[in-house]
């Protein structure tokens, strides 16, 4: 049997009345974070896994003072963008720190 117009036909979408909408759901509780020590060690180990970052740290040790990413790029023969990216990764994991540029 076929239903009359406006009935529950094959192509008609049915929505439950009064139920929560798509945006009315309660937010999920966040997962607990790992302790900072373990997390920072894992990040540092991952950062040291890349050979360019190890070379950069050796270059910084040899220089004995602060170096800019441009100086590191020249010393290692890398493009500036690559040296800047790897320097920012080292900074995020806490292996190096940024300093202000000296004038003069």
PDB file of N, CA and C in Angstrom:
ATOM      1  N   UNK A   1       0.815  -1.177   0.000  1.00  0.00           N
ATOM      2  CA  UNK A   1       0.000   0.000   0.000  1.00  0.00           C
ATOM      3  C   UNK A   1       0.864   1.247   0.000  1.00  0.00           C
ATOM      4  N   UNK A   2       0.378   2.178  -0.742  1.00  0.00           N
ATOM      5  CA  UNK A   2       1.061   3.460  -0.815  1.00  0.00           C
ATOM      6  C   UNK A   2       0.349   4.469   0.046  1.00  0.00           C
ATOM      7  N   UNK A   3       1.184   5.284   0.758  1.00  0.00           N
ATOM      8  CA  UNK A   3       0.583   6.300   1.617  1.00  0.00           C
ATOM      9  C   UNK A   3       0.271   7.552   0.815  1.00  0.00           C
ATOM     10  N   UNK A   4      -0.611   8.318   1.318  1.00  0.00           N
ATOM     11  CA  UNK A   4      -1.010   9.547   0.649  1.00  0.00           C
ATOM     12  C   UNK A   4       0.109  10.574   0.720  1.00  0.00           C
ATOM     13  N   UNK A   5      -0.065  11.657  -0.019  1.00  0.00           N
ATOM     14  CA  UNK A   5       0.929  12.718  -0.063  1.00  0.00           C
ATOM     15  C   UNK A   5       1.207  13.247   1.344  1.00  0.00           C
ATOM     16  N   UNK A   6       2.503  13.395   1.679  1.00  0.00           N
ATOM     17  CA  UNK A   6       2.866  13.892   2.994  1.00  0.00           C
ATOM     18  C   UNK A   6       3.102  12.761   3.979  1.00  0.00           C
ATOM     19  N   UNK A   7       2.894  11.548   3.576  1.00  0.00           N
ATOM     20  CA  UNK A   7       3.119  10.411   4.450  1.00  0.00           C
ATOM     21  C   UNK A   7       4.596  10.028   4.476  1.00  0.00           C
ATOM     22  N   UNK A   8       4.894   8.887   5.021  1.00  0.00           N
ATOM     23  CA  UNK A   8       6.282   8.441   5.134  1.00  0.00           C
ATOM     24  C   UNK A   8       6.660   7.632   3.903  1.00  0.00           C
ATOM     25  N   UNK A   9       6.935   8.314   2.840  1.00  0.00           N
ATOM     26  CA  UNK A   9       7.325   7.667   1.596  1.00  0.00           C
ATOM     27  C   UNK A   9       8.798   7.297   1.592  1.00  0.00           C
ATOM     28  N   UNK A  10       9.227   6.667   0.545  1.00  0.00           N
ATOM     29  CA  UNK A  10      10.601   6.195   0.437  1.00  0.00           C
ATOM     30  C   UNK A  10      11.603   7.342   0.381  1.00  0.00           C
ATOM     31  N   UNK A  11      11.265   8.439  -0.256  1.00  0.00           N
ATOM     32  CA  UNK A  11      12.192   9.550  -0.432  1.00  0.00           C
ATOM     33  C   UNK A  11      12.042  10.648   0.618  1.00  0.00           C
ATOM     34  N   UNK A  12      11.224  10.437   1.594  1.00  0.00           N
ATOM     35  CA  UNK A  12      10.997  11.473   2.597  1.00  0.00           C
ATOM     36  C   UNK A  12      11.858  11.206   3.824  1.00  0.00           C
ATOM     37  N   UNK A  13      12.526  12.232   4.312  1.00  0.00           N
ATOM     38  CA  UNK A  13      13.368  12.109   5.504  1.00  0.00           C
ATOM     39  C   UNK A  13      12.514  12.275   6.747  1.00  0.00           C
ATOM     40  N   UNK A  14      12.792  11.465   7.729  1.00  0.00           N
ATOM     41  CA  UNK A  14      12.041  11.526   8.971  1.00  0.00           C
ATOM     42  C   UNK A  14      12.987  11.962  10.066  1.00  0.00           C
ATOM     43  N   UNK A  15      12.546  12.915  10.866  1.00  0.00           N
ATOM     44  CA  UNK A  15      13.367  13.416  11.954  1.00  0.00           C
ATOM     45  C   UNK A  15      12.598  13.265  13.257  1.00  0.00           C
ATOM     46  N   UNK A  16      13.289  12.810  14.247  1.00  0.00           N
ATOM     47  CA  UNK A  16      12.676  12.620  15.544  1.00  0.00           C
ATOM     48  C   UNK A  16      12.477  13.980  16.201  1.00  0.00           C
ATOM     49  N   UNK A  17      11.280  14.226  16.717  1.00  0.00           N
ATOM     50  CA  UNK A  17      10.996  15.512  17.345  1.00  0.00           C
ATOM     51  C   UNK A  17      11.529  15.548  18.765  1.00  0.00           C
ATOM     52  N   UNK A  18      12.021  16.707  19.166  1.00  0.00           N
ATOM     53  CA  UNK A  18      12.418  16.926  20.541  1.00  0.00           C
ATOM     54  C   UNK A  18      13.781  16.379  20.920  1.00  0.00           C
ATOM     55  N   UNK A  19      14.424  15.668  20.041  1.00  0.00           N
ATOM     56  CA  UNK A  19      15.745  15.124  20.353  1.00  0.00           C
ATOM     57  C   UNK A  19      16.820  16.188  20.237  1.00  0.00           C
ATOM     58  N   UNK A  20      17.980  15.931  20.809  1.00  0.00           N
ATOM     59  CA  UNK A  20      19.048  16.923  20.713  1.00  0.00           C
ATOM     60  C   UNK A  20      19.537  17.044  19.278  1.00  0.00           C
ATOM     61  N   UNK A  21      19.824  18.260  18.897  1.00  0.00           N
ATOM     62  CA  UNK A  21      20.323  18.503  17.563  1.00  0.00           C
ATOM     63  C   UNK A  21      21.793  18.145  17.445  1.00  0.00           C
ATOM     64  N   UNK A  22      22.336  18.402  16.314  1.00  0.00           N
ATOM     65  CA  UNK A  22      23.743  18.069  16.054  1.00  0.00           C
ATOM     66  C   UNK A  22      24.677  18.825  16.992  1.00  0.00           C
ATOM     67  N   UNK A  23      24.313  20.071  17.312  1.00  0.00           N
ATOM     68  CA  UNK A  23      25.210  20.914  18.104  1.00  0.00           C
ATOM     69  C   UNK A  23      24.845  20.910  19.593  1.00  0.00           C
ATOM     70  N   UNK A  24      23.808  20.186  19.973  1.00  0.00           N
ATOM     71  CA  UNK A  24      23.348  20.229  21.350  1.00  0.00           C
ATOM     72  C   UNK A  24      24.006  19.155  22.226  1.00  0.00           C
ATOM     73  N   UNK A  25      24.888  18.370  21.665  1.00  0.00           N
ATOM     74  CA  UNK A  25      25.524  17.303  22.435  1.00  0.00           C
ATOM     75  C   UNK A  25      26.496  17.875  23.459  1.00  0.00           C
ATOM     76  N   UNK A  26      26.631  17.155  24.546  1.00  0.00           N
ATOM     77  CA  UNK A  26      27.569  17.578  25.589  1.00  0.00           C
ATOM     78  C   UNK A  26      29.000  17.341  25.104  1.00  0.00           C
ATOM     79  N   UNK A  27      29.936  18.243  25.425  1.00  0.00           N
ATOM     80  CA  UNK A  27      31.324  18.059  24.980  1.00  0.00           C
ATOM     81  C   UNK A  27      31.967  16.859  25.669  1.00  0.00           C
ATOM     82  N   UNK A  28      32.835  16.195  24.946  1.00  0.00           N
ATOM     83  CA  UNK A  28      33.552  15.057  25.503  1.00  0.00           C
ATOM     84  C   UNK A  28      34.590  15.536  26.509  1.00  0.00           C
ATOM     85  N   UNK A  29      34.793  14.783  27.565  1.00  0.00           N
ATOM     86  CA  UNK A  29      35.853  15.172  28.500  1.00  0.00           C
ATOM     87  C   UNK A  29      37.223  14.967  27.853  1.00  0.00           C
ATOM     88  N   UNK A  30      38.135  15.872  28.129  1.00  0.00           N
ATOM     89  CA  UNK A  30      39.471  15.780  27.552  1.00  0.00           C
ATOM     90  C   UNK A  30      40.269  14.677  28.211  1.00  0.00           C
ATOM     91  N   UNK A  31      41.137  14.093  27.434  1.00  0.00           N
ATOM     92  CA  UNK A  31      42.002  13.043  27.972  1.00  0.00           C
ATOM     93  C   UNK A  31      43.039  13.674  28.894  1.00  0.00           C
ATOM     94  N   UNK A  32      43.483  12.933  29.881  1.00  0.00           N
ATOM     95  CA  UNK A  32      44.497  13.450  30.796  1.00  0.00           C
ATOM     96  C   UNK A  32      45.831  13.537  30.080  1.00  0.00           C
ATOM     97  N   UNK A  33      46.557  14.578  30.383  1.00  0.00           N
ATOM     98  CA  UNK A  33      47.864  14.764  29.757  1.00  0.00           C
ATOM     99  C   UNK A  33      48.923  13.989  30.508  1.00  0.00           C
ATOM    100  N   UNK A  34      49.967  13.611  29.775  1.00  0.00           N
ATOM    101  CA  UNK A  34      51.085  12.900  30.382  1.00  0.00           C
ATOM    102  C   UNK A  34      51.911  13.881  31.209  1.00  0.00           C
ATOM    103  N   UNK A  35      52.664  13.385  32.151  1.00  0.00           N
ATOM    104  CA  UNK A  35      53.544  14.271  32.907  1.00  0.00           C
ATOM    105  C   UNK A  35      54.524  14.991  31.974  1.00  0.00           C
ATOM    106  N   UNK A  36      54.866  16.211  32.330  1.00  0.00           N
ATOM    107  CA  UNK A  36      55.695  17.050  31.470  1.00  0.00           C
ATOM    108  C   UNK A  36      57.072  16.435  31.248  1.00  0.00           C
ATOM    109  N   UNK A  37      57.660  15.823  32.258  1.00  0.00           N
ATOM    110  CA  UNK A  37      59.002  15.275  32.117  1.00  0.00           C
ATOM    111  C   UNK A  37      59.069  14.215  31.031  1.00  0.00           C
ATOM    112  N   UNK A  38      58.152  13.254  31.083  1.00  0.00           N
ATOM    113  CA  UNK A  38      58.167  12.199  30.078  1.00  0.00           C
ATOM    114  C   UNK A  38      57.888  12.749  28.696  1.00  0.00           C
ATOM    115  N   UNK A  39      56.951  13.674  28.652  1.00  0.00           N
ATOM    116  CA  UNK A  39      56.575  14.235  27.361  1.00  0.00           C
ATOM    117  C   UNK A  39      57.735  15.013  26.751  1.00  0.00           C
ATOM    118  N   UNK A  40      58.410  15.831  27.547  1.00  0.00           N
ATOM    119  CA  UNK A  40      59.503  16.627  27.001  1.00  0.00           C
ATOM    120  C   UNK A  40      60.681  15.749  26.594  1.00  0.00           C
ATOM    121  N   UNK A  41      60.925  14.666  27.345  1.00  0.00           N
ATOM    122  CA  UNK A  41      61.994  13.752  26.955  1.00  0.00           C
ATOM    123  C   UNK A  41      61.689  13.093  25.622  1.00  0.00           C
ATOM    124  N   UNK A  42      60.446  12.685  25.434  1.00  0.00           N
ATOM    125  CA  UNK A  42      60.065  12.040  24.185  1.00  0.00           C
ATOM    126  C   UNK A  42      60.195  13.011  23.018  1.00  0.00           C
ATOM    127  N   UNK A  43      59.812  14.251  23.230  1.00  0.00           N
ATOM    128  CA  UNK A  43      59.935  15.255  22.176  1.00  0.00           C
ATOM    129  C   UNK A  43      61.400  15.505  21.858  1.00  0.00           C
ATOM    130  N   UNK A  44      62.233  15.570  22.889  1.00  0.00           N
ATOM    131  CA  UNK A  44      63.661  15.789  22.674  1.00  0.00           C
ATOM    132  C   UNK A  44      64.287  14.629  21.914  1.00  0.00           C
ATOM    133  N   UNK A  45      63.894  13.411  22.249  1.00  0.00           N
ATOM    134  CA  UNK A  45      64.437  12.242  21.543  1.00  0.00           C
ATOM    135  C   UNK A  45      64.023  12.269  20.082  1.00  0.00           C
ATOM    136  N   UNK A  46      62.775  12.636  19.812  1.00  0.00           N
ATOM    137  CA  UNK A  46      62.313  12.731  18.424  1.00  0.00           C
ATOM    138  C   UNK A  46      63.065  13.831  17.673  1.00  0.00           C
ATOM    139  N   UNK A  47      63.331  14.925  18.358  1.00  0.00           N
ATOM    140  CA  UNK A  47      64.044  16.026  17.712  1.00  0.00           C
ATOM    141  C   UNK A  47      65.480  15.627  17.387  1.00  0.00           C
ATOM    142  N   UNK A  48      66.096  14.872  18.266  1.00  0.00           N
ATOM    143  CA  UNK A  48      67.489  14.457  18.047  1.00  0.00           C
ATOM    144  C   UNK A  48      67.608  13.339  17.021  1.00  0.00           C
ATOM    145  N   UNK A  49      66.507  12.769  16.593  1.00  0.00           N
ATOM    146  CA  UNK A  49      66.546  11.691  15.611  1.00  0.00           C
ATOM    147  C   UNK A  49      66.917  12.197  14.224  1.00  0.00           C
ATOM    148  N   UNK A  50      66.743  13.482  13.974  1.00  0.00           N
ATOM    149  CA  UNK A  50      67.041  14.033  12.647  1.00  0.00           C
ATOM    150  C   UNK A  50      68.510  14.449  12.576  1.00  0.00           C
ATOM    151  N   UNK A  51      69.234  14.009  11.543  1.00  0.00           N
ATOM    152  CA  UNK A  51      70.670  14.313  11.460  1.00  0.00           C
ATOM    153  C   UNK A  51      70.991  15.800  11.323  1.00  0.00           C
ATOM    154  N   UNK A  52      70.130  16.575  10.683  1.00  0.00           N
ATOM    155  CA  UNK A  52      70.396  18.015  10.524  1.00  0.00           C
ATOM    156  C   UNK A  52      70.378  18.702  11.884  1.00  0.00           C
ATOM    157  N   UNK A  53      69.468  18.300  12.760  1.00  0.00           N
ATOM    158  CA  UNK A  53      69.397  18.931  14.086  1.00  0.00           C
ATOM    159  C   UNK A  53      70.618  18.577  14.928  1.00  0.00           C
ATOM    160  N   UNK A  54      71.101  17.354  14.784  1.00  0.00           N
ATOM    161  CA  UNK A  54      72.333  16.984  15.505  1.00  0.00           C
ATOM    162  C   UNK A  54      73.510  17.809  14.991  1.00  0.00           C
ATOM    163  N   UNK A  55      73.583  18.009  13.678  1.00  0.00           N
ATOM    164  CA  UNK A  55      74.651  18.842  13.116  1.00  0.00           C
ATOM    165  C   UNK A  55      74.545  20.287  13.611  1.00  0.00           C
ATOM    166  N   UNK A  56      73.324  20.777  13.721  1.00  0.00           N
ATOM    167  CA  UNK A  56      73.141  22.154  14.196  1.00  0.00           C
ATOM    168  C   UNK A  56      73.620  22.308  15.634  1.00  0.00           C
ATOM    169  N   UNK A  57      73.319  21.329  16.472  1.00  0.00           N
ATOM    170  CA  UNK A  57      73.784  21.413  17.857  1.00  0.00           C
ATOM    171  C   UNK A  57      75.311  21.338  17.935  1.00  0.00           C
ATOM    172  N   UNK A  58      75.922  20.521  17.101  1.00  0.00           N
ATOM    173  CA  UNK A  58      77.393  20.461  17.064  1.00  0.00           C
ATOM    174  C   UNK A  58      77.975  21.797  16.624  1.00  0.00           C
ATOM    175  N   UNK A  59      77.342  22.401  15.637  1.00  0.00           N
ATOM    176  CA  UNK A  59      77.807  23.707  15.144  1.00  0.00           C
ATOM    177  C   UNK A  59      77.667  24.777  16.233  1.00  0.00           C
ATOM    178  N   UNK A  60      76.567  24.738  16.978  1.00  0.00           N
ATOM    179  CA  UNK A  60      76.378  25.694  18.073  1.00  0.00           C
ATOM    180  C   UNK A  60      77.419  25.491  19.171  1.00  0.00           C
ATOM    181  N   UNK A  61      77.740  24.245  19.476  1.00  0.00           N
ATOM    182  CA  UNK A  61      78.787  23.975  20.467  1.00  0.00           C
ATOM    183  C   UNK A  61      80.137  24.474  19.997  1.00  0.00           C
ATOM    184  N   UNK A  62      80.437  24.269  18.723  1.00  0.00           N
ATOM    185  CA  UNK A  62      81.719  24.701  18.181  1.00  0.00           C
ATOM    186  C   UNK A  62      81.828  26.227  18.148  1.00  0.00           C
ATOM    187  N   UNK A  63      80.710  26.901  17.895  1.00  0.00           N
ATOM    188  CA  UNK A  63      80.727  28.365  17.829  1.00  0.00           C
ATOM    189  C   UNK A  63      80.964  28.969  19.211  1.00  0.00           C
ATOM    190  N   UNK A  64      80.475  28.330  20.242  1.00  0.00           N
ATOM    191  CA  UNK A  64      80.696  28.816  21.589  1.00  0.00           C
ATOM    192  C   UNK A  64      79.828  29.985  21.995  1.00  0.00           C
ATOM    193  N   UNK A  65      78.981  30.450  21.130  1.00  0.00           N
ATOM    194  CA  UNK A  65      78.099  31.574  21.444  1.00  0.00           C
ATOM    195  C   UNK A  65      76.829  31.469  20.634  1.00  0.00           C
ATOM    196  N   UNK A  66      75.980  32.471  20.744  1.00  0.00           N
ATOM    197  CA  UNK A  66      74.732  32.428  19.982  1.00  0.00           C
ATOM    198  C   UNK A  66      74.965  32.563  18.480  1.00  0.00           C
ATOM    199  N   UNK A  67      74.167  31.848  17.709  1.00  0.00           N
ATOM    200  CA  UNK A  67      74.214  31.910  16.251  1.00  0.00           C
ATOM    201  C   UNK A  67      72.803  32.085  15.721  1.00  0.00           C
ATOM    202  N   UNK A  68      72.684  32.788  14.636  1.00  0.00           N
ATOM    203  CA  UNK A  68      71.381  32.928  13.989  1.00  0.00           C
ATOM    204  C   UNK A  68      71.179  31.748  13.040  1.00  0.00           C
ATOM    205  N   UNK A  69      69.941  31.479  12.651  1.00  0.00           N
ATOM    206  CA  UNK A  69      69.706  30.424  11.670  1.00  0.00           C
ATOM    207  C   UNK A  69      70.443  30.674  10.351  1.00  0.00           C
ATOM    208  N   UNK A  70      70.639  31.944   9.992  1.00  0.00           N
ATOM    209  CA  UNK A  70      71.366  32.258   8.759  1.00  0.00           C
ATOM    210  C   UNK A  70      72.832  31.832   8.882  1.00  0.00           C
ATOM    211  N   UNK A  71      73.430  32.072  10.044  1.00  0.00           N
ATOM    212  CA  UNK A  71      74.817  31.655  10.251  1.00  0.00           C
ATOM    213  C   UNK A  71      74.931  30.135  10.248  1.00  0.00           C
ATOM    214  N   UNK A  72      73.968  29.462  10.870  1.00  0.00           N
ATOM    215  CA  UNK A  72      73.975  28.000  10.860  1.00  0.00           C
ATOM    216  C   UNK A  72      73.790  27.465   9.447  1.00  0.00           C
ATOM    217  N   UNK A  73      72.923  28.097   8.670  1.00  0.00           N
ATOM    218  CA  UNK A  73      72.694  27.658   7.292  1.00  0.00           C
ATOM    219  C   UNK A  73      73.964  27.794   6.462  1.00  0.00           C
ATOM    220  N   UNK A  74      74.664  28.921   6.634  1.00  0.00           N
ATOM    221  CA  UNK A  74      75.930  29.100   5.895  1.00  0.00           C
ATOM    222  C   UNK A  74      76.966  28.075   6.321  1.00  0.00           C
ATOM    223  N   UNK A  75      77.065  27.839   7.618  1.00  0.00           N
ATOM    224  CA  UNK A  75      78.062  26.904   8.129  1.00  0.00           C
ATOM    225  C   UNK A  75      77.821  25.465   7.716  1.00  0.00           C
ATOM    226  N   UNK A  76      76.560  25.087   7.581  1.00  0.00           N
ATOM    227  CA  UNK A  76      76.225  23.709   7.224  1.00  0.00           C
ATOM    228  C   UNK A  76      75.916  23.527   5.745  1.00  0.00           C
ATOM    229  N   UNK A  77      75.833  24.627   5.001  1.00  0.00           N
ATOM    230  CA  UNK A  77      75.524  24.538   3.574  1.00  0.00           C
ATOM    231  C   UNK A  77      74.073  24.162   3.313  1.00  0.00           C
ATOM    232  N   UNK A  78      73.159  24.695   4.117  1.00  0.00           N
ATOM    233  CA  UNK A  78      71.736  24.404   3.982  1.00  0.00           C
ATOM    234  C   UNK A  78      70.983  25.644   3.526  1.00  0.00           C
ATOM    235  N   UNK A  79      69.811  25.465   2.927  1.00  0.00           N
ATOM    236  CA  UNK A  79      68.959  26.623   2.653  1.00  0.00           C
ATOM    237  C   UNK A  79      68.483  27.257   3.966  1.00  0.00           C
ATOM    238  N   UNK A  80      68.244  28.542   3.942  1.00  0.00           N
ATOM    239  CA  UNK A  80      67.847  29.269   5.141  1.00  0.00           C
ATOM    240  C   UNK A  80      66.526  28.743   5.708  1.00  0.00           C
ATOM    241  N   UNK A  81      65.586  28.407   4.844  1.00  0.00           N
ATOM    242  CA  UNK A  81      64.288  27.912   5.314  1.00  0.00           C
ATOM    243  C   UNK A  81      64.437  26.608   6.099  1.00  0.00           C
ATOM    244  N   UNK A  82      65.314  25.732   5.639  1.00  0.00           N
ATOM    245  CA  UNK A  82      65.539  24.450   6.318  1.00  0.00           C
ATOM    246  C   UNK A  82      66.163  24.697   7.686  1.00  0.00           C
ATOM    247  N   UNK A  83      67.163  25.567   7.743  1.00  0.00           N
ATOM    248  CA  UNK A  83      67.826  25.861   9.018  1.00  0.00           C
ATOM    249  C   UNK A  83      66.866  26.523   9.999  1.00  0.00           C
ATOM    250  N   UNK A  84      66.021  27.414   9.522  1.00  0.00           N
ATOM    251  CA  UNK A  84      65.056  28.083  10.387  1.00  0.00           C
ATOM    252  C   UNK A  84      64.045  27.092  10.944  1.00  0.00           C
ATOM    253  N   UNK A  85      63.572  26.189  10.100  1.00  0.00           N
ATOM    254  CA  UNK A  85      62.602  25.187  10.554  1.00  0.00           C
ATOM    255  C   UNK A  85      63.208  24.305  11.645  1.00  0.00           C
ATOM    256  N   UNK A  86      64.396  23.790  11.398  1.00  0.00           N
ATOM    257  CA  UNK A  86      65.016  22.896  12.371  1.00  0.00           C
ATOM    258  C   UNK A  86      65.395  23.631  13.657  1.00  0.00           C
ATOM    259  N   UNK A  87      65.771  24.898  13.549  1.00  0.00           N
ATOM    260  CA  UNK A  87      66.055  25.690  14.748  1.00  0.00           C
ATOM    261  C   UNK A  87      64.786  25.890  15.583  1.00  0.00           C
ATOM    262  N   UNK A  88      63.644  26.087  14.926  1.00  0.00           N
ATOM    263  CA  UNK A  88      62.398  26.253  15.672  1.00  0.00           C
ATOM    264  C   UNK A  88      61.980  24.946  16.349  1.00  0.00           C
ATOM    265  N   UNK A  89      62.253  23.804  15.711  1.00  0.00           N
ATOM    266  CA  UNK A  89      61.951  22.516  16.341  1.00  0.00           C
ATOM    267  C   UNK A  89      62.828  22.326  17.576  1.00  0.00           C
ATOM    268  N   UNK A  90      64.101  22.675  17.467  1.00  0.00           N
ATOM    269  CA  UNK A  90      65.003  22.574  18.620  1.00  0.00           C
ATOM    270  C   UNK A  90      64.570  23.514  19.740  1.00  0.00           C
ATOM    271  N   UNK A  91      64.058  24.672  19.380  1.00  0.00           N
ATOM    272  CA  UNK A  91      63.596  25.623  20.389  1.00  0.00           C
ATOM    273  C   UNK A  91      62.349  25.102  21.092  1.00  0.00           C
ATOM    274  N   UNK A  92      61.416  24.503  20.349  1.00  0.00           N
ATOM    275  CA  UNK A  92      60.186  23.978  20.946  1.00  0.00           C
ATOM    276  C   UNK A  92      60.462  22.854  21.928  1.00  0.00           C
ATOM    277  N   UNK A  93      61.471  22.030  21.643  1.00  0.00           N
ATOM    278  CA  UNK A  93      61.746  20.909  22.547  1.00  0.00           C
ATOM    279  C   UNK A  93      62.663  21.324  23.688  1.00  0.00           C
ATOM    280  N   UNK A  94      63.165  22.542  23.675  1.00  0.00           N
ATOM    281  CA  UNK A  94      63.954  23.045  24.783  1.00  0.00           C
ATOM    282  C   UNK A  94      65.446  22.809  24.669  1.00  0.00           C
ATOM    283  N   UNK A  95      65.933  22.386  23.510  1.00  0.00           N
ATOM    284  CA  UNK A  95      67.356  22.136  23.338  1.00  0.00           C
ATOM    285  C   UNK A  95      68.144  23.436  23.168  1.00  0.00           C
ATOM    286  N   UNK A  96      67.525  24.455  22.588  1.00  0.00           N
ATOM    287  CA  UNK A  96      68.160  25.771  22.418  1.00  0.00           C
ATOM    288  C   UNK A  96      67.159  26.833  22.850  1.00  0.00           C
ATOM    289  N   UNK A  97      67.637  28.032  23.060  1.00  0.00           N
ATOM    290  CA  UNK A  97      66.730  29.129  23.395  1.00  0.00           C
ATOM    291  C   UNK A  97      67.020  30.317  22.502  1.00  0.00           C
ATOM    292  N   UNK A  98      65.986  31.096  22.251  1.00  0.00           N
ATOM    293  CA  UNK A  98      66.115  32.276  21.411  1.00  0.00           C
ATOM    294  C   UNK A  98      66.647  33.433  22.247  1.00  0.00           C
ATOM    295  N   UNK A  99      67.496  34.241  21.641  1.00  0.00           N
ATOM    296  CA  UNK A  99      68.003  35.438  22.283  1.00  0.00           C
ATOM    297  C   UNK A  99      67.748  36.628  21.378  1.00  0.00           C
ATOM    298  N   UNK A 100      67.816  37.822  21.939  1.00  0.00           N
ATOM    299  CA  UNK A 100      67.639  39.026  21.128  1.00  0.00           C
ATOM    300  C   UNK A 100      68.883  39.267  20.318  1.00  0.00           C
ATOM    301  N   UNK A 101      68.690  39.841  19.135  1.00  0.00           N
ATOM    302  CA  UNK A 101      69.816  40.170  18.271  1.00  0.00           C
ATOM    303  C   UNK A 101      70.589  41.344  18.859  1.00  0.00           C
ATOM    304  N   UNK A 102      71.899  41.259  18.789  1.00  0.00           N
ATOM    305  CA  UNK A 102      72.732  42.346  19.287  1.00  0.00           C
ATOM    306  C   UNK A 102      72.957  43.374  18.196  1.00  0.00           C
ATOM    307  N   UNK A 103      72.841  44.650  18.530  1.00  0.00           N
ATOM    308  CA  UNK A 103      73.069  45.717  17.562  1.00  0.00           C
ATOM    309  C   UNK A 103      74.533  46.084  17.560  1.00  0.00           C
ATOM    310  N   UNK A 104      75.021  46.408  16.372  1.00  0.00           N
ATOM    311  CA  UNK A 104      76.374  46.919  16.283  1.00  0.00           C
ATOM    312  C   UNK A 104      77.275  45.942  15.754  1.00  0.00           C
TER     313      UNK A 104
END
